[in-house]
Amino acid sequence: MTQNNDGLTKCARHCQKHNIMCPIKDCDMWIDYKGDHNCTYIAIYNNDQNPMTLRQIAERLHISFARVKQIETKAFSKLKKHLLDMGVDF
């Protein structure tokens, strides 16, 4: 997938321009959130390319804030372990 300076792919730009939902459910960037045309790229674009809050993520993924926090904590723990295993000192 190629992107322009706005961070959107040709496909995402097409969906946004024509106000249609992404029909490609097997795309890695597809999310079940019609507010962002079912596209992760558009979700990021609509948030001015700023990080989303955990609550925004929970809303888009239809899961609780607590579950998003659990996933985040586990991901950071894995990242920290990986970095320590690689000898990165922080």
C-alpha atoms as a PDB file:
ATOM      1  CA  MET A   1       0.000   0.000   0.000  1.00  0.00           C
ATOM      2  CA  THR A   2       1.423   3.326  -0.991  1.00  0.00           C
ATOM      3  CA  GLN A   3       0.765   6.450   1.029  1.00  0.00           C
ATOM      4  CA  ASN A   4       0.916  10.148   0.240  1.00  0.00           C
ATOM      5  CA  ASN A   5       1.974  12.932   2.591  1.00  0.00           C
ATOM      6  CA  ASP A   6      -1.399  12.830   4.350  1.00  0.00           C
ATOM      7  CA  GLY A   7      -0.760   9.241   5.486  1.00  0.00           C
ATOM      8  CA  LEU A   8      -3.731   7.831   3.608  1.00  0.00           C
ATOM      9  CA  THR A   9      -3.525   5.047   1.055  1.00  0.00           C
ATOM     10  CA  LYS A  10      -5.228   5.372  -2.321  1.00  0.00           C
ATOM     11  CA  CYS A  11      -7.925   3.006  -1.074  1.00  0.00           C
ATOM     12  CA  ALA A  12      -8.531   4.991   2.132  1.00  0.00           C
ATOM     13  CA  ARG A  13      -8.620   8.268   0.243  1.00  0.00           C
ATOM     14  CA  HIS A  14     -11.198   6.786  -2.163  1.00  0.00           C
ATOM     15  CA  CYS A  15     -13.450   5.623   0.702  1.00  0.00           C
ATOM     16  CA  GLN A  16     -13.209   8.979   2.429  1.00  0.00           C
ATOM     17  CA  LYS A  17     -13.789  11.010  -0.737  1.00  0.00           C
ATOM     18  CA  HIS A  18     -16.867   8.998  -1.718  1.00  0.00           C
ATOM     19  CA  ASN A  19     -18.088   8.630   1.891  1.00  0.00           C
ATOM     20  CA  ILE A  20     -18.218   4.834   1.675  1.00  0.00           C
ATOM     21  CA  MET A  21     -17.228   2.109   4.118  1.00  0.00           C
ATOM     22  CA  CYS A  22     -14.209  -0.006   3.266  1.00  0.00           C
ATOM     23  CA  PRO A  23     -15.484  -3.293   1.821  1.00  0.00           C
ATOM     24  CA  ILE A  24     -12.136  -5.124   2.134  1.00  0.00           C
ATOM     25  CA  LYS A  25     -12.562  -6.919   5.477  1.00  0.00           C
ATOM     26  CA  ASP A  26      -9.418  -9.021   5.007  1.00  0.00           C
ATOM     27  CA  CYS A  27      -7.257  -5.875   4.866  1.00  0.00           C
ATOM     28  CA  ASP A  28      -4.887  -5.581   7.847  1.00  0.00           C
ATOM     29  CA  MET A  29      -6.068  -1.987   8.323  1.00  0.00           C
ATOM     30  CA  TRP A  30      -9.819  -2.808   8.402  1.00  0.00           C
ATOM     31  CA  ILE A  31     -11.610  -2.025  11.683  1.00  0.00           C
ATOM     32  CA  ASP A  32     -15.259  -2.361  12.574  1.00  0.00           C
ATOM     33  CA  TYR A  33     -15.825   1.360  13.104  1.00  0.00           C
ATOM     34  CA  LYS A  34     -18.030   3.116  10.580  1.00  0.00           C
ATOM     35  CA  GLY A  35     -17.121   6.561  11.940  1.00  0.00           C
ATOM     36  CA  ASP A  36     -13.739   6.084  10.302  1.00  0.00           C
ATOM     37  CA  HIS A  37     -15.008   4.282   7.189  1.00  0.00           C
ATOM     38  CA  ASN A  38     -13.777   0.970   8.713  1.00  0.00           C
ATOM     39  CA  CYS A  39     -10.173   2.017   8.066  1.00  0.00           C
ATOM     40  CA  THR A  40      -7.318   2.385  10.551  1.00  0.00           C
ATOM     41  CA  TYR A  41      -5.570   4.903   8.276  1.00  0.00           C
ATOM     42  CA  ILE A  42      -8.653   7.131   8.255  1.00  0.00           C
ATOM     43  CA  ALA A  43      -8.987   6.748  12.048  1.00  0.00           C
ATOM     44  CA  ILE A  44      -5.456   8.087  12.461  1.00  0.00           C
ATOM     45  CA  TYR A  45      -6.042  10.823   9.858  1.00  0.00           C
ATOM     46  CA  ASN A  46      -9.281  11.893  11.580  1.00  0.00           C
ATOM     47  CA  ASN A  47      -7.374  12.257  14.849  1.00  0.00           C
ATOM     48  CA  ASP A  48      -4.956  14.754  13.236  1.00  0.00           C
ATOM     49  CA  GLN A  49      -2.318  11.991  13.265  1.00  0.00           C
ATOM     50  CA  ASN A  50      -2.039  12.284  17.046  1.00  0.00           C
ATOM     51  CA  PRO A  51      -2.013   9.262  19.332  1.00  0.00           C
ATOM     52  CA  MET A  52      -5.477   8.068  20.312  1.00  0.00           C
ATOM     53  CA  THR A  53      -6.486   7.814  23.919  1.00  0.00           C
ATOM     54  CA  LEU A  54      -7.157   4.385  25.371  1.00  0.00           C
ATOM     55  CA  ARG A  55     -10.841   5.312  25.502  1.00  0.00           C
ATOM     56  CA  GLN A  56     -10.857   6.141  21.777  1.00  0.00           C
ATOM     57  CA  ILE A  57      -9.234   2.804  21.024  1.00  0.00           C
ATOM     58  CA  ALA A  58     -11.747   0.964  23.215  1.00  0.00           C
ATOM     59  CA  GLU A  59     -14.635   2.662  21.424  1.00  0.00           C
ATOM     60  CA  ARG A  60     -13.301   1.745  17.991  1.00  0.00           C
ATOM     61  CA  LEU A  61     -12.601  -1.864  18.918  1.00  0.00           C
ATOM     62  CA  HIS A  62     -15.862  -2.295  20.868  1.00  0.00           C
ATOM     63  CA  ILE A  63     -14.032  -3.421  24.001  1.00  0.00           C
ATOM     64  CA  SER A  64     -13.749  -1.927  27.460  1.00  0.00           C
ATOM     65  CA  PHE A  65     -11.222   0.683  28.488  1.00  0.00           C
ATOM     66  CA  ALA A  66      -9.945  -1.779  31.107  1.00  0.00           C
ATOM     67  CA  ARG A  67      -9.269  -4.403  28.433  1.00  0.00           C
ATOM     68  CA  VAL A  68      -7.350  -1.891  26.301  1.00  0.00           C
ATOM     69  CA  LYS A  69      -5.304  -0.968  29.368  1.00  0.00           C
ATOM     70  CA  GLN A  70      -4.556  -4.676  30.002  1.00  0.00           C
ATOM     71  CA  ILE A  71      -3.393  -5.105  26.402  1.00  0.00           C
ATOM     72  CA  GLU A  72      -1.242  -1.975  26.626  1.00  0.00           C
ATOM     73  CA  THR A  73       0.359  -3.112  29.883  1.00  0.00           C
ATOM     74  CA  LYS A  74       1.130  -6.558  28.476  1.00  0.00           C
ATOM     75  CA  ALA A  75       2.571  -5.064  25.269  1.00  0.00           C
ATOM     76  CA  PHE A  76       4.860  -2.714  27.208  1.00  0.00           C
ATOM     77  CA  SER A  77       5.965  -5.582  29.430  1.00  0.00           C
ATOM     78  CA  LYS A  78       6.867  -7.693  26.392  1.00  0.00           C
ATOM     79  CA  LEU A  79       8.682  -4.764  24.802  1.00  0.00           C
ATOM     80  CA  LYS A  80      10.662  -4.094  27.968  1.00  0.00           C
ATOM     81  CA  LYS A  81      11.649  -7.775  28.259  1.00  0.00           C
ATOM     82  CA  HIS A  82      12.709  -7.852  24.602  1.00  0.00           C
ATOM     83  CA  LEU A  83      14.826  -4.718  25.007  1.00  0.00           C
ATOM     84  CA  LEU A  84      16.457  -6.050  28.158  1.00  0.00           C
ATOM     85  CA  ASP A  85      17.189  -9.348  26.371  1.00  0.00           C
ATOM     86  CA  MET A  86      18.882  -7.323  23.629  1.00  0.00           C
ATOM     87  CA  GLY A  87      21.017  -5.531  26.209  1.00  0.00           C
ATOM     88  CA  VAL A  88      19.334  -2.151  25.897  1.00  0.00           C
ATOM     89  CA  ASP A  89      19.702  -0.270  29.144  1.00  0.00           C
ATOM     90  CA  PHE A  90      17.115   2.348  29.994  1.00  0.00           C
END
